[in-house]
Amino acid sequence: MKKTLAMILIAAIAITTIFAADSRDVNIGGAVKRSEYTFSLSYGETPLSDGAIITGVFDLATTSDTENFYVKRTSGNLNNDLSFEVLVQAGPFIGEVNGVENYNTGVIPTISQTYVDTTSFVSSLISNSQRTGTFNFLIPAGANNSSATLLGFIFTITGSPSVPAGNYTSTIQIDYTYEQ
């Protein structure tokens, strides 16, 4: 019996020695490169830069619509949500009459027929007889692997037959602001 007990004790010590182990935690680092968005404005399919002029298109004695204006974003990947706002503001058509500059025709384009990207759209406010519009978007953190049109809109120009002949310009201000 002593011999059996000694064998069991030796076997227990041997098994304990075989199963004794240390453990280690290992961390593997990973990263995803940050990719900034860029935003652009186009008139139809024509990209617009600051100060672009769309000329000779509208008869201010009648009513007409512009083509679509589009605000687009490229693909990107950010670590935070991106709050994006577009402010659109139309000014009156102004020109020269009787040799005097800054003649105000009283014809002001109004925002109509808007399109918004419903996946990132938050809210909009069109005010001041539809001459000013504010559009808010929230682009979620993470990969947005394709470009998107965030906003599309046209202006309706309600002309007047009493506008004197001449060339006129309306300044449309389109501002983007964003916070991360």
N, C-alpha and C. Protein backbone atom coordinates (compact mmCIF):
# COMPACT_ATOMS: atom_id res chain seq x y z
N MET A 1 0.83 -1.16 0.00
CA MET A 1 0.00 0.00 0.00
C MET A 1 0.88 1.24 0.00
N LYS A 2 1.99 1.17 0.76
CA LYS A 2 2.89 2.30 0.78
C LYS A 2 3.49 2.52 -0.60
N LYS A 3 3.74 1.39 -1.24
CA LYS A 3 4.33 1.48 -2.56
C LYS A 3 3.32 2.11 -3.54
N THR A 4 2.07 1.78 -3.46
CA THR A 4 1.04 2.33 -4.33
C THR A 4 0.85 3.82 -4.04
N LEU A 5 0.85 4.15 -2.76
CA LEU A 5 0.71 5.55 -2.37
C LEU A 5 1.89 6.36 -2.86
N ALA A 6 3.08 5.85 -2.79
CA ALA A 6 4.26 6.55 -3.29
C ALA A 6 4.17 6.72 -4.80
N MET A 7 3.67 5.71 -5.51
CA MET A 7 3.53 5.82 -6.96
C MET A 7 2.50 6.88 -7.33
N ILE A 8 1.41 6.92 -6.61
CA ILE A 8 0.37 7.93 -6.88
C ILE A 8 0.93 9.33 -6.62
N LEU A 9 1.70 9.47 -5.52
CA LEU A 9 2.30 10.75 -5.19
C LEU A 9 3.30 11.17 -6.26
N ILE A 10 4.12 10.28 -6.74
CA ILE A 10 5.10 10.59 -7.80
C ILE A 10 4.35 10.95 -9.09
N ALA A 11 3.31 10.22 -9.40
CA ALA A 11 2.52 10.50 -10.61
C ALA A 11 1.86 11.86 -10.50
N ALA A 12 1.34 12.22 -9.34
CA ALA A 12 0.70 13.52 -9.13
C ALA A 12 1.71 14.65 -9.30
N ILE A 13 2.91 14.48 -8.77
CA ILE A 13 3.95 15.49 -8.91
C ILE A 13 4.35 15.62 -10.39
N ALA A 14 4.46 14.50 -11.07
CA ALA A 14 4.84 14.50 -12.49
C ALA A 14 3.76 15.20 -13.31
N ILE A 15 2.49 14.91 -13.07
CA ILE A 15 1.39 15.52 -13.82
C ILE A 15 1.34 17.02 -13.55
N THR A 16 1.51 17.41 -12.29
CA THR A 16 1.51 18.83 -11.93
C THR A 16 2.63 19.55 -12.65
N THR A 17 3.76 18.94 -12.72
CA THR A 17 4.90 19.55 -13.40
C THR A 17 4.63 19.68 -14.89
N ILE A 18 4.01 18.68 -15.46
CA ILE A 18 3.71 18.71 -16.89
C ILE A 18 2.69 19.80 -17.21
N PHE A 19 1.69 20.01 -16.37
CA PHE A 19 0.63 20.96 -16.64
C PHE A 19 0.90 22.36 -16.09
N ALA A 20 1.98 22.59 -15.45
CA ALA A 20 2.29 23.92 -14.95
C ALA A 20 2.67 24.79 -16.14
N ALA A 21 2.13 26.06 -16.20
CA ALA A 21 2.43 26.94 -17.34
C ALA A 21 2.26 28.39 -16.93
N ASP A 22 2.92 29.26 -17.67
CA ASP A 22 2.72 30.70 -17.54
C ASP A 22 1.79 31.14 -18.67
N SER A 23 1.15 32.34 -18.52
CA SER A 23 0.36 32.87 -19.63
C SER A 23 0.86 34.27 -19.97
N ARG A 24 0.66 34.65 -21.20
CA ARG A 24 1.07 35.97 -21.69
C ARG A 24 -0.08 36.56 -22.50
N ASP A 25 -0.31 37.86 -22.34
CA ASP A 25 -1.25 38.57 -23.21
C ASP A 25 -0.44 39.29 -24.27
N VAL A 26 -0.88 39.19 -25.47
CA VAL A 26 -0.20 39.84 -26.59
C VAL A 26 -1.21 40.76 -27.27
N ASN A 27 -0.83 41.99 -27.53
CA ASN A 27 -1.69 42.94 -28.23
C ASN A 27 -1.15 43.15 -29.63
N ILE A 28 -2.05 43.15 -30.58
CA ILE A 28 -1.68 43.42 -31.97
C ILE A 28 -2.30 44.75 -32.35
N GLY A 29 -1.48 45.69 -32.75
CA GLY A 29 -1.98 47.01 -33.12
C GLY A 29 -2.54 47.02 -34.53
N GLY A 30 -3.47 47.91 -34.78
CA GLY A 30 -4.05 48.07 -36.11
C GLY A 30 -4.46 49.51 -36.29
N ALA A 31 -4.57 49.94 -37.50
CA ALA A 31 -4.98 51.31 -37.77
C ALA A 31 -5.69 51.38 -39.11
N VAL A 32 -6.55 52.37 -39.25
CA VAL A 32 -7.18 52.68 -40.52
C VAL A 32 -6.83 54.14 -40.80
N LYS A 33 -6.31 54.37 -41.98
CA LYS A 33 -5.88 55.72 -42.34
C LYS A 33 -7.09 56.65 -42.44
N ARG A 34 -6.94 57.84 -41.87
CA ARG A 34 -7.97 58.87 -41.92
C ARG A 34 -8.02 59.41 -43.34
N SER A 35 -9.21 59.60 -43.84
CA SER A 35 -9.40 60.11 -45.19
C SER A 35 -10.41 61.25 -45.13
N GLU A 36 -9.94 62.47 -45.36
CA GLU A 36 -10.79 63.66 -45.26
C GLU A 36 -11.78 63.73 -46.43
N TYR A 37 -12.92 64.33 -46.18
CA TYR A 37 -13.89 64.61 -47.24
C TYR A 37 -13.50 65.90 -47.94
N THR A 38 -13.84 66.00 -49.20
CA THR A 38 -13.81 67.29 -49.88
C THR A 38 -15.22 67.52 -50.42
N PHE A 39 -15.58 68.77 -50.52
CA PHE A 39 -16.93 69.14 -50.94
C PHE A 39 -16.83 69.99 -52.20
N SER A 40 -17.83 69.86 -53.07
CA SER A 40 -17.80 70.61 -54.32
C SER A 40 -19.20 71.07 -54.70
N LEU A 41 -19.24 72.05 -55.59
CA LEU A 41 -20.49 72.61 -56.09
C LEU A 41 -20.47 72.49 -57.61
N SER A 42 -21.60 72.08 -58.18
CA SER A 42 -21.70 72.04 -59.64
C SER A 42 -23.04 72.60 -60.08
N TYR A 43 -23.06 73.07 -61.32
CA TYR A 43 -24.29 73.53 -61.98
C TYR A 43 -24.55 72.52 -63.08
N GLY A 44 -25.55 71.68 -62.89
CA GLY A 44 -25.69 70.52 -63.77
C GLY A 44 -24.47 69.64 -63.52
N GLU A 45 -23.77 69.30 -64.56
CA GLU A 45 -22.55 68.50 -64.41
C GLU A 45 -21.28 69.36 -64.46
N THR A 46 -21.43 70.68 -64.53
CA THR A 46 -20.28 71.58 -64.64
C THR A 46 -19.81 72.01 -63.26
N PRO A 47 -18.57 71.66 -62.88
CA PRO A 47 -18.05 72.10 -61.58
C PRO A 47 -17.96 73.63 -61.54
N LEU A 48 -18.29 74.20 -60.39
CA LEU A 48 -18.22 75.65 -60.22
C LEU A 48 -17.16 76.01 -59.19
N SER A 49 -16.40 77.04 -59.50
CA SER A 49 -15.43 77.56 -58.54
C SER A 49 -15.96 78.89 -58.01
N ASP A 50 -15.29 79.42 -57.02
CA ASP A 50 -15.70 80.69 -56.44
C ASP A 50 -15.67 81.77 -57.51
N GLY A 51 -16.73 82.53 -57.60
CA GLY A 51 -16.79 83.62 -58.57
C GLY A 51 -17.25 83.20 -59.96
N ALA A 52 -17.62 81.94 -60.14
CA ALA A 52 -18.09 81.48 -61.46
C ALA A 52 -19.32 82.27 -61.88
N ILE A 53 -19.43 82.52 -63.17
CA ILE A 53 -20.58 83.25 -63.71
C ILE A 53 -21.29 82.38 -64.73
N ILE A 54 -22.59 82.22 -64.54
CA ILE A 54 -23.44 81.52 -65.49
C ILE A 54 -24.13 82.63 -66.27
N THR A 55 -23.77 82.82 -67.54
CA THR A 55 -24.23 84.00 -68.28
C THR A 55 -25.23 83.67 -69.38
N GLY A 56 -25.99 84.70 -69.74
CA GLY A 56 -26.85 84.66 -70.91
C GLY A 56 -27.90 83.57 -70.92
N VAL A 57 -28.37 83.16 -69.79
CA VAL A 57 -29.27 82.02 -69.74
C VAL A 57 -30.73 82.43 -69.53
N PHE A 58 -30.99 83.43 -68.75
CA PHE A 58 -32.36 83.68 -68.29
C PHE A 58 -32.91 85.00 -68.83
N ASP A 59 -34.14 84.94 -69.33
CA ASP A 59 -34.87 86.12 -69.78
C ASP A 59 -35.61 86.66 -68.57
N LEU A 60 -35.17 87.80 -68.08
CA LEU A 60 -35.75 88.34 -66.84
C LEU A 60 -37.13 88.95 -67.03
N ALA A 61 -37.66 88.92 -68.27
CA ALA A 61 -39.02 89.40 -68.51
C ALA A 61 -40.04 88.27 -68.34
N THR A 62 -39.55 87.02 -68.21
CA THR A 62 -40.45 85.87 -68.06
C THR A 62 -40.04 85.06 -66.83
N THR A 63 -40.73 83.96 -66.62
CA THR A 63 -40.40 83.06 -65.51
C THR A 63 -39.65 81.85 -66.05
N SER A 64 -38.56 81.49 -65.39
CA SER A 64 -37.79 80.32 -65.82
C SER A 64 -37.12 79.68 -64.60
N ASP A 65 -36.61 78.48 -64.80
CA ASP A 65 -35.91 77.75 -63.76
C ASP A 65 -34.47 77.53 -64.18
N THR A 66 -33.58 77.52 -63.20
CA THR A 66 -32.19 77.18 -63.47
C THR A 66 -32.09 75.67 -63.62
N GLU A 67 -30.93 75.20 -64.04
CA GLU A 67 -30.63 73.78 -63.94
C GLU A 67 -30.38 73.48 -62.47
N ASN A 68 -30.15 72.21 -62.16
CA ASN A 68 -29.85 71.83 -60.79
C ASN A 68 -28.47 72.29 -60.36
N PHE A 69 -28.40 72.82 -59.17
CA PHE A 69 -27.13 73.04 -58.47
C PHE A 69 -26.96 71.82 -57.56
N TYR A 70 -25.73 71.31 -57.44
CA TYR A 70 -25.48 70.16 -56.58
C TYR A 70 -24.32 70.44 -55.64
N VAL A 71 -24.49 70.05 -54.38
CA VAL A 71 -23.39 70.04 -53.40
C VAL A 71 -23.05 68.57 -53.18
N LYS A 72 -21.79 68.22 -53.46
CA LYS A 72 -21.37 66.82 -53.39
C LYS A 72 -20.22 66.66 -52.41
N ARG A 73 -20.06 65.45 -51.92
CA ARG A 73 -18.91 65.11 -51.09
C ARG A 73 -18.20 63.91 -51.70
N THR A 74 -16.90 63.85 -51.46
CA THR A 74 -16.13 62.69 -51.90
C THR A 74 -16.26 61.59 -50.85
N SER A 75 -15.68 60.44 -51.12
CA SER A 75 -15.63 59.38 -50.12
C SER A 75 -14.66 59.81 -49.02
N GLY A 76 -14.78 59.21 -47.87
CA GLY A 76 -13.90 59.54 -46.76
C GLY A 76 -14.08 58.57 -45.61
N ASN A 77 -13.24 58.72 -44.60
CA ASN A 77 -13.32 57.88 -43.42
C ASN A 77 -12.78 58.69 -42.24
N LEU A 78 -13.67 59.05 -41.34
CA LEU A 78 -13.30 59.84 -40.17
C LEU A 78 -13.61 59.07 -38.90
N ASN A 79 -13.00 59.51 -37.82
CA ASN A 79 -13.18 58.89 -36.52
C ASN A 79 -14.38 59.48 -35.78
N ASN A 80 -14.88 60.62 -36.21
CA ASN A 80 -16.01 61.29 -35.55
C ASN A 80 -17.08 61.58 -36.60
N ASP A 81 -18.30 61.79 -36.12
CA ASP A 81 -19.36 62.28 -37.00
C ASP A 81 -18.96 63.66 -37.51
N LEU A 82 -19.42 64.01 -38.68
CA LEU A 82 -19.14 65.32 -39.27
C LEU A 82 -20.45 66.05 -39.46
N SER A 83 -20.59 67.18 -38.76
CA SER A 83 -21.76 68.03 -38.90
C SER A 83 -21.49 69.00 -40.04
N PHE A 84 -22.35 69.00 -41.05
CA PHE A 84 -22.14 69.76 -42.28
C PHE A 84 -23.37 70.62 -42.56
N GLU A 85 -23.14 71.91 -42.81
CA GLU A 85 -24.24 72.83 -43.08
C GLU A 85 -23.99 73.56 -44.39
N VAL A 86 -25.06 73.74 -45.16
CA VAL A 86 -25.00 74.50 -46.40
C VAL A 86 -25.97 75.66 -46.27
N LEU A 87 -25.48 76.87 -46.50
CA LEU A 87 -26.31 78.07 -46.51
C LEU A 87 -26.37 78.57 -47.94
N VAL A 88 -27.58 78.73 -48.47
CA VAL A 88 -27.79 79.22 -49.83
C VAL A 88 -28.56 80.52 -49.73
N GLN A 89 -28.04 81.56 -50.37
CA GLN A 89 -28.70 82.86 -50.29
C GLN A 89 -28.63 83.54 -51.65
N ALA A 90 -29.78 83.96 -52.18
CA ALA A 90 -29.85 84.59 -53.50
C ALA A 90 -30.03 86.10 -53.36
N GLY A 91 -29.33 86.83 -54.20
CA GLY A 91 -29.47 88.28 -54.24
C GLY A 91 -30.22 88.70 -55.49
N PRO A 92 -30.68 89.94 -55.56
CA PRO A 92 -31.44 90.41 -56.72
C PRO A 92 -30.55 90.55 -57.96
N PHE A 93 -31.18 90.50 -59.13
CA PHE A 93 -30.45 90.77 -60.37
C PHE A 93 -30.18 92.27 -60.43
N ILE A 94 -28.90 92.60 -60.62
CA ILE A 94 -28.45 94.00 -60.62
C ILE A 94 -27.67 94.24 -61.91
N GLY A 95 -27.83 95.42 -62.46
CA GLY A 95 -27.12 95.76 -63.69
C GLY A 95 -27.02 97.26 -63.87
N GLU A 96 -26.73 97.65 -65.10
CA GLU A 96 -26.55 99.07 -65.43
C GLU A 96 -27.71 99.55 -66.28
N VAL A 97 -28.34 100.66 -65.87
CA VAL A 97 -29.43 101.28 -66.61
C VAL A 97 -29.15 102.78 -66.66
N ASN A 98 -29.29 103.40 -67.86
CA ASN A 98 -29.02 104.83 -68.04
C ASN A 98 -27.63 105.21 -67.56
N GLY A 99 -26.67 104.32 -67.77
CA GLY A 99 -25.29 104.61 -67.39
C GLY A 99 -25.03 104.52 -65.90
N VAL A 100 -26.03 104.14 -65.13
CA VAL A 100 -25.87 104.05 -63.68
C VAL A 100 -25.79 102.56 -63.30
N GLU A 101 -24.70 102.21 -62.60
CA GLU A 101 -24.54 100.82 -62.14
C GLU A 101 -25.42 100.55 -60.94
N ASN A 102 -25.55 99.29 -60.61
CA ASN A 102 -26.28 98.80 -59.43
C ASN A 102 -27.78 99.05 -59.50
N TYR A 103 -28.34 99.02 -60.73
CA TYR A 103 -29.79 99.09 -60.86
C TYR A 103 -30.36 97.75 -60.38
N ASN A 104 -31.25 97.80 -59.40
CA ASN A 104 -31.87 96.61 -58.83
C ASN A 104 -33.18 96.34 -59.56
N THR A 105 -33.25 95.20 -60.24
CA THR A 105 -34.45 94.84 -61.00
C THR A 105 -35.62 94.43 -60.11
N GLY A 106 -35.33 94.06 -58.89
CA GLY A 106 -36.36 93.53 -58.00
C GLY A 106 -36.64 92.05 -58.25
N VAL A 107 -35.97 91.48 -59.25
CA VAL A 107 -36.13 90.06 -59.55
C VAL A 107 -35.09 89.29 -58.75
N ILE A 108 -35.58 88.43 -57.85
CA ILE A 108 -34.68 87.66 -56.99
C ILE A 108 -35.01 86.18 -57.16
N PRO A 109 -34.00 85.35 -57.49
CA PRO A 109 -34.24 83.91 -57.61
C PRO A 109 -34.73 83.33 -56.28
N THR A 110 -35.64 82.37 -56.37
CA THR A 110 -36.13 81.69 -55.17
C THR A 110 -35.79 80.21 -55.25
N ILE A 111 -35.46 79.62 -54.10
CA ILE A 111 -35.08 78.21 -54.01
C ILE A 111 -36.34 77.35 -54.18
N SER A 112 -36.23 76.35 -55.04
CA SER A 112 -37.36 75.41 -55.17
C SER A 112 -36.83 74.05 -55.57
N GLN A 113 -37.70 73.07 -55.46
CA GLN A 113 -37.40 71.69 -55.85
C GLN A 113 -36.07 71.20 -55.31
N THR A 114 -35.98 71.06 -54.00
CA THR A 114 -34.74 70.59 -53.39
C THR A 114 -34.70 69.07 -53.32
N TYR A 115 -33.50 68.55 -53.39
CA TYR A 115 -33.22 67.13 -53.17
C TYR A 115 -32.21 67.06 -52.03
N VAL A 116 -32.41 66.17 -51.07
CA VAL A 116 -31.43 65.97 -50.01
C VAL A 116 -31.12 64.48 -49.88
N ASP A 117 -29.88 64.19 -49.53
CA ASP A 117 -29.44 62.82 -49.27
C ASP A 117 -30.05 62.38 -47.95
N THR A 118 -31.02 61.48 -48.01
CA THR A 118 -31.77 61.11 -46.81
C THR A 118 -30.94 60.32 -45.79
N THR A 119 -29.79 59.76 -46.21
CA THR A 119 -28.99 59.00 -45.25
C THR A 119 -28.24 59.90 -44.28
N SER A 120 -28.02 61.17 -44.65
CA SER A 120 -27.28 62.06 -43.76
C SER A 120 -28.02 63.36 -43.45
N PHE A 121 -29.20 63.55 -44.01
CA PHE A 121 -29.97 64.79 -43.83
C PHE A 121 -30.49 64.90 -42.41
N VAL A 122 -30.39 66.09 -41.82
CA VAL A 122 -30.90 66.34 -40.47
C VAL A 122 -32.08 67.29 -40.52
N SER A 123 -31.90 68.48 -41.13
CA SER A 123 -32.97 69.47 -41.14
C SER A 123 -32.72 70.52 -42.22
N SER A 124 -33.78 71.28 -42.53
CA SER A 124 -33.62 72.40 -43.44
C SER A 124 -34.58 73.51 -43.03
N LEU A 125 -34.23 74.71 -43.43
CA LEU A 125 -35.07 75.87 -43.19
C LEU A 125 -34.93 76.76 -44.41
N ILE A 126 -36.03 76.97 -45.11
CA ILE A 126 -36.04 77.88 -46.25
C ILE A 126 -36.89 79.06 -45.82
N SER A 127 -36.30 80.26 -45.88
CA SER A 127 -36.99 81.42 -45.33
C SER A 127 -36.84 82.63 -46.25
N ASN A 128 -37.34 83.76 -45.76
CA ASN A 128 -37.24 85.04 -46.46
C ASN A 128 -37.78 84.90 -47.88
N SER A 129 -39.03 84.43 -48.00
CA SER A 129 -39.68 84.21 -49.29
C SER A 129 -38.88 83.28 -50.18
N GLN A 130 -38.28 82.28 -49.61
CA GLN A 130 -37.51 81.23 -50.29
C GLN A 130 -36.24 81.75 -50.97
N ARG A 131 -35.70 82.83 -50.46
CA ARG A 131 -34.45 83.36 -51.00
C ARG A 131 -33.23 82.87 -50.23
N THR A 132 -33.48 82.33 -49.03
CA THR A 132 -32.41 81.82 -48.18
C THR A 132 -32.77 80.41 -47.71
N GLY A 133 -31.81 79.51 -47.77
CA GLY A 133 -32.04 78.15 -47.28
C GLY A 133 -30.85 77.66 -46.49
N THR A 134 -31.12 77.01 -45.37
CA THR A 134 -30.08 76.38 -44.56
C THR A 134 -30.39 74.89 -44.50
N PHE A 135 -29.39 74.08 -44.84
CA PHE A 135 -29.56 72.63 -44.91
C PHE A 135 -28.49 71.99 -44.03
N ASN A 136 -28.91 71.13 -43.11
CA ASN A 136 -27.99 70.50 -42.16
C ASN A 136 -27.91 69.00 -42.39
N PHE A 137 -26.67 68.50 -42.33
CA PHE A 137 -26.40 67.08 -42.55
C PHE A 137 -25.49 66.57 -41.43
N LEU A 138 -25.57 65.27 -41.15
CA LEU A 138 -24.67 64.61 -40.22
C LEU A 138 -24.10 63.39 -40.93
N ILE A 139 -22.81 63.47 -41.25
CA ILE A 139 -22.14 62.38 -41.93
C ILE A 139 -21.53 61.50 -40.85
N PRO A 140 -21.97 60.25 -40.74
CA PRO A 140 -21.52 59.42 -39.62
C PRO A 140 -20.05 59.03 -39.70
N ALA A 141 -19.46 58.83 -38.54
CA ALA A 141 -18.07 58.36 -38.47
C ALA A 141 -17.98 57.02 -39.18
N GLY A 142 -16.79 56.75 -39.67
CA GLY A 142 -16.57 55.48 -40.34
C GLY A 142 -16.41 55.67 -41.83
N ALA A 143 -16.27 54.57 -42.51
CA ALA A 143 -16.00 54.60 -43.95
C ALA A 143 -17.27 54.90 -44.73
N ASN A 144 -17.20 55.92 -45.55
CA ASN A 144 -18.21 56.22 -46.56
C ASN A 144 -17.48 56.08 -47.88
N ASN A 145 -17.57 54.92 -48.47
CA ASN A 145 -16.68 54.54 -49.56
C ASN A 145 -17.06 55.07 -50.93
N SER A 146 -18.16 55.77 -51.02
CA SER A 146 -18.50 56.32 -52.33
C SER A 146 -18.88 57.79 -52.18
N SER A 147 -18.72 58.51 -53.27
CA SER A 147 -19.12 59.92 -53.29
C SER A 147 -20.64 59.99 -53.19
N ALA A 148 -21.14 61.15 -52.76
CA ALA A 148 -22.58 61.30 -52.63
C ALA A 148 -22.98 62.73 -52.94
N THR A 149 -24.16 62.89 -53.49
CA THR A 149 -24.76 64.21 -53.66
C THR A 149 -25.55 64.47 -52.39
N LEU A 150 -25.13 65.47 -51.62
CA LEU A 150 -25.81 65.79 -50.37
C LEU A 150 -27.05 66.64 -50.61
N LEU A 151 -26.95 67.57 -51.57
CA LEU A 151 -28.02 68.55 -51.77
C LEU A 151 -28.12 68.90 -53.24
N GLY A 152 -29.32 68.99 -53.72
CA GLY A 152 -29.59 69.47 -55.07
C GLY A 152 -30.73 70.47 -54.99
N PHE A 153 -30.66 71.54 -55.76
CA PHE A 153 -31.74 72.53 -55.74
C PHE A 153 -31.73 73.32 -57.04
N ILE A 154 -32.86 73.91 -57.34
CA ILE A 154 -32.94 74.83 -58.47
C ILE A 154 -33.44 76.17 -57.95
N PHE A 155 -33.26 77.19 -58.76
CA PHE A 155 -33.84 78.50 -58.48
C PHE A 155 -34.91 78.76 -59.53
N THR A 156 -36.05 79.27 -59.08
CA THR A 156 -37.06 79.77 -59.99
C THR A 156 -36.87 81.28 -60.06
N ILE A 157 -36.83 81.77 -61.29
CA ILE A 157 -36.65 83.21 -61.51
C ILE A 157 -37.97 83.72 -62.08
N THR A 158 -38.70 84.44 -61.23
CA THR A 158 -39.97 85.02 -61.66
C THR A 158 -39.68 86.42 -62.18
N GLY A 159 -39.58 86.50 -63.51
CA GLY A 159 -39.22 87.76 -64.15
C GLY A 159 -40.36 88.76 -64.17
N SER A 160 -40.07 89.91 -64.75
CA SER A 160 -41.05 90.98 -64.87
C SER A 160 -40.87 91.65 -66.23
N PRO A 161 -41.95 91.82 -66.98
CA PRO A 161 -41.83 92.47 -68.29
C PRO A 161 -41.41 93.94 -68.19
N SER A 162 -41.43 94.51 -66.99
CA SER A 162 -41.05 95.92 -66.83
C SER A 162 -39.55 96.11 -66.62
N VAL A 163 -38.76 95.04 -66.59
CA VAL A 163 -37.31 95.16 -66.41
C VAL A 163 -36.71 95.75 -67.68
N PRO A 164 -35.94 96.86 -67.57
CA PRO A 164 -35.31 97.46 -68.74
C PRO A 164 -34.33 96.49 -69.41
N ALA A 165 -34.17 96.63 -70.72
CA ALA A 165 -33.23 95.80 -71.46
C ALA A 165 -31.84 95.96 -70.87
N GLY A 166 -31.07 94.90 -70.88
CA GLY A 166 -29.70 94.98 -70.37
C GLY A 166 -29.24 93.64 -69.84
N ASN A 167 -28.02 93.62 -69.37
CA ASN A 167 -27.43 92.43 -68.76
C ASN A 167 -27.39 92.62 -67.25
N TYR A 168 -27.82 91.59 -66.55
CA TYR A 168 -27.93 91.66 -65.10
C TYR A 168 -27.28 90.44 -64.47
N THR A 169 -26.88 90.60 -63.23
CA THR A 169 -26.26 89.51 -62.49
C THR A 169 -26.88 89.40 -61.11
N SER A 170 -27.19 88.16 -60.72
CA SER A 170 -27.63 87.88 -59.36
C SER A 170 -26.50 87.11 -58.68
N THR A 171 -26.12 87.56 -57.51
CA THR A 171 -25.08 86.86 -56.76
C THR A 171 -25.74 85.83 -55.85
N ILE A 172 -25.36 84.58 -56.05
CA ILE A 172 -25.85 83.48 -55.22
C ILE A 172 -24.71 83.09 -54.28
N GLN A 173 -24.94 83.20 -53.00
CA GLN A 173 -23.93 82.85 -52.02
C GLN A 173 -24.23 81.45 -51.49
N ILE A 174 -23.23 80.57 -51.60
CA ILE A 174 -23.38 79.19 -51.11
C ILE A 174 -22.19 78.93 -50.19
N ASP A 175 -22.47 78.82 -48.91
CA ASP A 175 -21.43 78.61 -47.90
C ASP A 175 -21.55 77.22 -47.31
N TYR A 176 -20.40 76.54 -47.14
CA TYR A 176 -20.37 75.26 -46.43
C TYR A 176 -19.65 75.49 -45.11
N THR A 177 -20.15 74.92 -44.06
CA THR A 177 -19.43 74.90 -42.80
C THR A 177 -19.54 73.48 -42.24
N TYR A 178 -18.47 73.05 -41.57
CA TYR A 178 -18.54 71.73 -40.96
C TYR A 178 -17.68 71.66 -39.71
N GLU A 179 -18.14 70.80 -38.80
CA GLU A 179 -17.45 70.58 -37.52
C GLU A 179 -17.33 69.09 -37.29
N GLN A 180 -16.18 68.70 -36.71
CA GLN A 180 -15.97 67.30 -36.38
C GLN A 180 -15.88 67.16 -34.87
